[in-house]
Amino acid sequence: MHALHVTPSNTIAELLAAHPVAARVLVSHRMHCVGCEIAPFETIADACRTYGVAVEELFNEIQQSFEGQGGPT
């Protein structure tokens, strides 16, 4: 689904472990997931619902940040 190789059903911790640059995007949306005790258990989809962020928007922004860091296109 995403070139990031994560899906909305992955946990926040899995996302951050695979793509640390995602932390900036989460923080820019005021998502307090970085360093949260629940990050190993909360899915990306759950966090997006909690913070009112569209999953596709989040993934697109993470992908753009990742590509800006020299990641795959």
Foldseek 3Di string as FASTA:
>chain_A
DAPLPDDQQAFQVVSCVSQVLLVVLCVVLVQPLVVDPCRNPHGNVRSCVVSVHDPVVSRVVSVVSCVVVVHDD
